[in-house]
């Protein structure tokens, strides 16, 4: 994995980045609003209003509606059409606390927004309305959320919990309390808070954990089974992303140890091996797969770093 360049347009810290499903556009958010990019890194627009003093904590493209994306700032979720960035198409004010992540369902019907109150609001895009509120499972901050290909929803929190939701019934199907993998080890004092989730096209779930490990979950015979990727990071894992491809064979993680790690799938869905580690030089905020061989990295600087991943 080699650094291939940087994209410059932000004036403050870049907190998040997302790539459109077809790979043609990229959106990033941070202290100075939202920036849009072509896939070659050419600046393609920006949104400064209506965020006010709030940082943009998350951005996510719709999958079937080209150029349309959502962004979170403060306790609000905004819907934008990239053809007209002067004002949002719609604004939801459904969450009661700061939103940490927004994700879009595969059918473009719903947005899920995870917040500091430990709740997830599922928003109906076409009706511009609140569809469901998922609560009373996370004991504190709900830090991340991800839709599975089946339509189910996964959420992760700083309470060390990963929940799988039948969201249309506001019912959790499974709750996993993550345990510290090595209580006597170097990371034994760092609880396995769930900082980020990624779900592959075939339903494998990866969770970035505060105890320097990555949890892998998959369903077998109707129940969740899990494993851990250990010894790749020396401090909290901040983000994870599956490389863009037709099969979930490569997972990339980034941590507060300023490392980027490439993990490859073994013979089973929960068997993974760390293949390569690279020093990034700064803590990782967010990762996005631009292409099967290209990774975008957001960190506390005002630049987005581009990495090439060898086959």
Protein backbone atom coordinates (compact mmCIF):
# COMPACT_ATOMS: atom_id res chain seq x y z
CA UNK A 1 0.00 0.00 0.00
CA UNK A 2 1.49 3.31 -1.12
CA UNK A 3 0.38 6.90 -0.73
CA UNK A 4 -0.55 8.22 -4.16
CA UNK A 5 -1.46 11.82 -3.40
CA UNK A 6 -3.77 14.17 -1.52
CA UNK A 7 -6.98 16.04 -2.28
CA UNK A 8 -7.03 19.64 -1.07
CA UNK A 9 -10.11 21.81 -0.65
CA UNK A 10 -11.06 21.71 3.03
CA UNK A 11 -9.78 24.41 5.35
CA UNK A 12 -10.32 22.45 8.58
CA UNK A 13 -10.18 18.89 9.87
CA UNK A 14 -11.80 16.26 7.63
CA UNK A 15 -14.03 14.05 9.75
CA UNK A 16 -15.71 11.79 7.20
CA UNK A 17 -15.66 10.70 3.56
CA UNK A 18 -17.93 8.58 1.37
CA UNK A 19 -17.79 7.33 -2.21
CA UNK A 20 -20.84 7.08 -4.46
CA UNK A 21 -21.85 3.51 -5.34
CA UNK A 22 -20.66 3.89 -8.95
CA UNK A 23 -17.35 5.40 -7.82
CA UNK A 24 -17.87 8.58 -9.83
CA UNK A 25 -18.22 11.02 -6.94
CA UNK A 26 -16.90 11.52 -3.44
CA UNK A 27 -18.29 13.60 -0.58
CA UNK A 28 -16.33 14.63 2.49
CA UNK A 29 -17.36 16.49 5.59
CA UNK A 30 -15.65 18.27 8.43
CA UNK A 31 -15.27 21.47 10.37
CA UNK A 32 -15.92 23.60 7.29
CA UNK A 33 -18.94 21.84 5.79
CA UNK A 34 -19.14 19.43 2.85
CA UNK A 35 -16.88 19.14 -0.18
CA UNK A 36 -17.73 17.22 -3.36
CA UNK A 37 -15.12 15.66 -5.61
CA UNK A 38 -14.84 13.88 -8.93
CA UNK A 39 -13.19 10.47 -8.74
CA UNK A 40 -9.87 11.97 -9.88
CA UNK A 41 -9.81 14.39 -6.94
CA UNK A 42 -11.05 17.44 -8.83
CA UNK A 43 -13.12 19.70 -6.56
CA UNK A 44 -16.76 19.61 -7.72
CA UNK A 45 -18.62 21.80 -5.24
CA UNK A 46 -19.05 22.66 -1.60
CA UNK A 47 -21.74 23.23 1.01
CA UNK A 48 -21.05 25.65 3.86
CA UNK A 49 -24.62 26.50 4.89
CA UNK A 50 -26.86 25.50 6.63
CA UNK A 51 -24.57 23.85 9.18
CA UNK A 52 -23.74 26.97 11.17
CA UNK A 53 -21.20 26.20 13.88
CA UNK A 54 -21.81 22.44 13.71
CA UNK A 55 -19.22 20.08 12.24
CA UNK A 56 -20.33 17.68 9.54
CA UNK A 57 -19.87 14.31 11.24
CA UNK A 58 -21.01 11.97 8.47
CA UNK A 59 -21.91 11.87 4.78
CA UNK A 60 -23.52 9.07 2.75
CA UNK A 61 -24.61 8.79 -0.87
CA UNK A 62 -27.90 7.32 -1.96
CA UNK A 63 -27.27 4.19 -3.99
CA UNK A 64 -29.76 4.53 -6.83
CA UNK A 65 -30.23 8.27 -7.13
CA UNK A 66 -27.11 9.73 -8.73
CA UNK A 67 -25.58 12.74 -7.03
CA UNK A 68 -27.91 12.70 -4.03
CA UNK A 69 -26.45 12.39 -0.55
CA UNK A 70 -27.22 12.93 3.12
CA UNK A 71 -25.08 14.65 5.75
CA UNK A 72 -25.31 14.98 9.51
CA UNK A 73 -24.38 18.05 11.54
CA UNK A 74 -25.41 18.67 15.11
CA UNK A 75 -28.70 16.86 15.73
CA UNK A 76 -29.95 17.30 12.16
CA UNK A 77 -29.81 15.24 8.98
CA UNK A 78 -29.74 16.98 5.59
CA UNK A 79 -30.64 15.67 2.13
CA UNK A 80 -28.78 17.26 -0.79
CA UNK A 81 -28.93 17.10 -4.57
CA UNK A 82 -25.47 17.81 -5.99
CA UNK A 83 -27.03 19.65 -8.96
CA UNK A 84 -28.09 22.44 -6.59
CA UNK A 85 -26.05 22.81 -3.42
CA UNK A 86 -27.40 26.21 -2.38
CA UNK A 87 -29.86 24.63 0.05
CA UNK A 88 -30.78 21.13 1.20
CA UNK A 89 -33.70 19.35 -0.43
CA UNK A 90 -34.94 18.46 3.04
CA UNK A 91 -33.85 18.70 6.67
CA UNK A 92 -34.83 16.22 9.38
CA UNK A 93 -34.70 17.32 13.02
CA UNK A 94 -35.73 13.97 14.48
CA UNK A 95 -32.71 13.15 16.66
CA UNK A 96 -32.55 14.46 20.21
CA UNK A 97 -28.75 14.65 20.38
CA UNK A 98 -25.72 14.98 18.10
CA UNK A 99 -25.74 12.57 15.19
CA UNK A 100 -22.56 10.50 14.80
CA UNK A 101 -23.31 8.65 11.57
CA UNK A 102 -25.89 8.45 8.81
CA UNK A 103 -26.27 5.51 6.40
CA UNK A 104 -28.65 4.86 3.51
CA UNK A 105 -30.51 1.60 2.88
CA UNK A 106 -29.73 -0.31 -0.32
CA UNK A 107 -33.14 0.57 -1.81
CA UNK A 108 -32.70 4.31 -1.13
CA UNK A 109 -35.88 4.27 0.97
CA UNK A 110 -34.47 5.08 4.41
CA UNK A 111 -31.70 6.84 6.28
CA UNK A 112 -30.55 5.65 9.70
CA UNK A 113 -29.02 8.21 12.07
CA UNK A 114 -27.15 7.13 15.23
CA UNK A 115 -26.81 9.71 18.01
CA UNK A 116 -25.17 10.55 21.32
CA UNK A 117 -28.36 9.69 23.22
CA UNK A 118 -27.90 6.04 22.28
CA UNK A 119 -30.77 6.04 19.81
CA UNK A 120 -31.17 5.43 16.08
CA UNK A 121 -33.77 7.34 14.08
CA UNK A 122 -34.81 5.70 10.82
CA UNK A 123 -36.01 8.36 8.39
CA UNK A 124 -38.26 7.83 5.36
CA UNK A 125 -36.66 9.58 2.39
CA UNK A 126 -39.69 9.79 0.07
CA UNK A 127 -42.17 10.77 2.80
CA UNK A 128 -39.66 13.13 4.45
CA UNK A 129 -40.75 11.71 7.80
CA UNK A 130 -39.59 9.73 10.82
CA UNK A 131 -40.24 6.01 10.24
CA UNK A 132 -38.99 4.42 13.48
CA UNK A 133 -37.05 5.18 16.63
CA UNK A 134 -34.76 2.42 17.92
CA UNK A 135 -33.94 2.86 21.61
CA UNK A 136 -33.34 1.28 25.01
CA UNK A 137 -30.52 -1.01 23.86
CA UNK A 138 -27.42 1.16 23.93
CA UNK A 139 -26.60 2.40 27.42
CA UNK A 140 -24.83 5.51 26.18
CA UNK A 141 -23.52 6.91 22.88
CA UNK A 142 -24.50 5.06 19.70
CA UNK A 143 -21.40 5.77 17.64
CA UNK A 144 -22.09 3.94 14.38
CA UNK A 145 -24.71 2.25 12.26
CA UNK A 146 -24.78 0.15 9.07
CA UNK A 147 -27.45 -1.41 6.86
CA UNK A 148 -26.97 -5.04 5.83
CA UNK A 149 -27.87 -6.24 2.30
CA UNK A 150 -30.90 -7.99 3.84
CA UNK A 151 -32.26 -4.66 5.06
CA UNK A 152 -31.45 -5.36 8.68
CA UNK A 153 -29.63 -2.70 10.63
CA UNK A 154 -26.54 -3.01 12.81
CA UNK A 155 -25.58 -0.44 15.43
CA UNK A 156 -22.52 -0.09 17.64
CA UNK A 157 -21.95 1.91 20.78
CA UNK A 158 -19.48 3.10 23.35
CA UNK A 159 -21.20 0.64 25.71
CA UNK A 160 -19.27 -2.16 23.93
CA UNK A 161 -22.48 -3.41 22.31
CA UNK A 162 -23.30 -4.43 18.75
CA UNK A 163 -27.03 -4.70 18.04
CA UNK A 164 -28.76 -6.27 15.07
CA UNK A 165 -32.19 -4.77 14.49
CA UNK A 166 -35.37 -5.81 12.74
CA UNK A 167 -35.79 -2.08 12.47
CA UNK A 168 -39.28 -1.92 10.93
CA UNK A 169 -40.54 -3.50 14.14
CA UNK A 170 -38.12 -1.51 16.33
CA UNK A 171 -36.97 -4.86 17.71
CA UNK A 172 -33.39 -6.02 18.32
CA UNK A 173 -32.79 -9.52 16.95
CA UNK A 174 -29.44 -9.92 18.65
CA UNK A 175 -27.29 -7.97 21.08
CA UNK A 176 -23.61 -8.81 21.46
CA UNK A 177 -21.67 -7.36 24.37
CA UNK A 178 -18.07 -7.34 23.21
CA UNK A 179 -15.55 -8.52 25.80
CA UNK A 180 -11.94 -7.35 26.01
CA UNK A 181 -9.95 -9.99 24.14
CA UNK A 182 -6.93 -9.87 26.47
CA UNK A 183 -7.76 -8.39 29.91
CA UNK A 184 -4.17 -8.83 31.13
CA UNK A 185 -2.55 -7.50 27.96
CA UNK A 186 -1.38 -4.07 26.89
CA UNK A 187 -4.90 -3.05 25.83
CA UNK A 188 -6.66 -4.55 28.84
CA UNK A 189 -7.42 -1.07 30.19
CA UNK A 190 -9.07 0.01 26.91
CA UNK A 191 -12.66 -1.25 26.70
CA UNK A 192 -13.79 -2.61 23.33
CA UNK A 193 -15.99 0.36 22.49
CA UNK A 194 -17.44 0.06 19.00
CA UNK A 195 -16.16 2.99 16.95
CA UNK A 196 -17.21 1.94 13.44
CA UNK A 197 -19.06 -0.79 11.53
CA UNK A 198 -18.79 -2.06 7.96
CA UNK A 199 -20.99 -4.66 6.26
CA UNK A 200 -19.85 -6.47 3.12
CA UNK A 201 -22.04 -7.28 0.13
CA UNK A 202 -22.42 -10.83 1.43
CA UNK A 203 -23.31 -9.79 4.96
CA UNK A 204 -20.01 -10.05 6.87
CA UNK A 205 -19.83 -7.44 9.63
CA UNK A 206 -16.57 -5.83 10.75
CA UNK A 207 -16.39 -3.70 13.88
CA UNK A 208 -13.56 -1.33 14.83
CA UNK A 209 -12.97 -1.69 18.56
CA UNK A 210 -11.33 0.39 21.25
CA UNK A 211 -9.12 -2.45 22.48
CA UNK A 212 -7.07 -2.39 19.26
CA UNK A 213 -8.88 -5.33 17.65
CA UNK A 214 -11.38 -5.79 14.83
CA UNK A 215 -14.39 -8.01 15.44
CA UNK A 216 -15.75 -10.09 12.54
CA UNK A 217 -19.34 -11.32 12.72
CA UNK A 218 -21.40 -13.45 10.36
CA UNK A 219 -24.58 -15.46 10.58
CA UNK A 220 -24.36 -19.24 10.57
CA UNK A 221 -27.36 -21.50 11.10
CA UNK A 222 -29.47 -18.57 12.26
CA UNK A 223 -27.05 -17.22 14.87
CA UNK A 224 -24.19 -14.76 14.92
CA UNK A 225 -20.69 -16.18 15.22
CA UNK A 226 -17.62 -14.03 15.66
CA UNK A 227 -13.83 -13.89 15.62
CA UNK A 228 -11.23 -11.20 16.26
CA UNK A 229 -8.36 -9.76 14.26
CA UNK A 230 -5.63 -9.20 16.83
CA UNK A 231 -2.11 -7.77 16.85
CA UNK A 232 -2.58 -5.53 13.81
CA UNK A 233 -3.04 -2.31 15.78
CA UNK A 234 -1.41 -1.09 18.97
CA UNK A 235 -4.21 1.29 19.96
CA UNK A 236 -7.91 1.89 19.32
CA UNK A 237 -9.19 1.01 15.85
CA UNK A 238 -11.07 4.04 14.53
CA UNK A 239 -12.56 2.85 11.25
CA UNK A 240 -13.01 -0.13 8.95
CA UNK A 241 -14.05 -0.54 5.32
CA UNK A 242 -14.34 -3.45 2.89
CA UNK A 243 -12.49 -2.84 -0.37
CA UNK A 244 -14.86 -2.19 -3.24
CA UNK A 245 -15.20 -5.44 -5.20
CA UNK A 246 -17.70 -8.17 -6.06
CA UNK A 247 -16.55 -10.30 -3.15
CA UNK A 248 -15.59 -9.43 0.43
CA UNK A 249 -11.98 -10.55 0.31
CA UNK A 250 -10.17 -7.46 1.60
CA UNK A 251 -10.83 -5.42 4.74
CA UNK A 252 -8.94 -2.26 5.65
CA UNK A 253 -8.70 -0.83 9.15
CA UNK A 254 -7.27 2.44 10.44
CA UNK A 255 -6.45 3.33 14.00
CA UNK A 256 -5.42 5.89 16.55
CA UNK A 257 -1.98 4.31 16.31
CA UNK A 258 -1.69 6.06 12.92
CA UNK A 259 -1.63 2.72 11.09
CA UNK A 260 -3.50 1.41 8.09
CA UNK A 261 -3.84 -2.38 7.95
CA UNK A 262 -4.97 -4.65 5.13
CA UNK A 263 -6.64 -7.93 6.13
CA UNK A 264 -7.49 -10.73 3.72
CA UNK A 265 -10.17 -13.35 4.04
CA UNK A 266 -9.25 -16.97 4.61
CA UNK A 267 -11.17 -20.15 3.99
CA UNK A 268 -14.16 -19.09 6.10
CA UNK A 269 -16.04 -15.83 6.56
CA UNK A 270 -14.62 -15.31 10.05
CA UNK A 271 -11.01 -16.23 9.25
CA UNK A 272 -8.89 -13.18 8.40
CA UNK A 273 -5.16 -12.57 8.19
CA UNK A 274 -3.36 -9.24 8.35
CA UNK A 275 -1.37 -8.98 5.12
CA UNK A 276 0.13 -5.50 5.24
CA UNK A 277 0.56 -2.57 7.63
CA UNK A 278 1.43 0.99 6.64
CA UNK A 279 2.31 4.03 8.75
CA UNK A 280 -0.02 6.89 7.88
CA UNK A 281 1.49 9.49 10.18
CA UNK A 282 -1.76 10.73 11.73
CA UNK A 283 -4.75 9.28 13.52
CA UNK A 284 -7.48 7.97 11.25
CA UNK A 285 -10.93 9.59 11.22
CA UNK A 286 -12.61 7.79 8.31
CA UNK A 287 -11.91 5.39 5.43
CA UNK A 288 -13.66 4.99 2.10
CA UNK A 289 -12.98 2.60 -0.78
CA UNK A 290 -12.88 4.59 -4.02
CA UNK A 291 -12.05 1.50 -6.10
CA UNK A 292 -10.82 -2.03 -5.47
CA UNK A 293 -7.26 -0.70 -5.51
CA UNK A 294 -7.79 2.82 -4.13
CA UNK A 295 -8.40 3.95 -0.55
CA UNK A 296 -9.36 7.41 0.70
CA UNK A 297 -8.29 8.42 4.22
CA UNK A 298 -9.60 11.31 6.32
CA UNK A 299 -7.51 12.39 9.30
CA UNK A 300 -7.14 15.50 11.52
CA UNK A 301 -5.56 17.44 8.68
CA UNK A 302 -7.47 19.37 5.99
CA UNK A 303 -6.42 16.90 3.24
CA UNK A 304 -7.83 13.59 2.05
CA UNK A 305 -5.03 11.08 1.47
CA UNK A 306 -5.16 8.67 -1.46
CA UNK A 307 -3.55 5.22 -1.23
CA UNK A 308 -3.04 2.57 -3.87
CA UNK A 309 -3.51 -1.00 -2.73
CA UNK A 310 -1.47 -3.66 -4.53
CA UNK A 311 -3.37 -6.70 -5.75
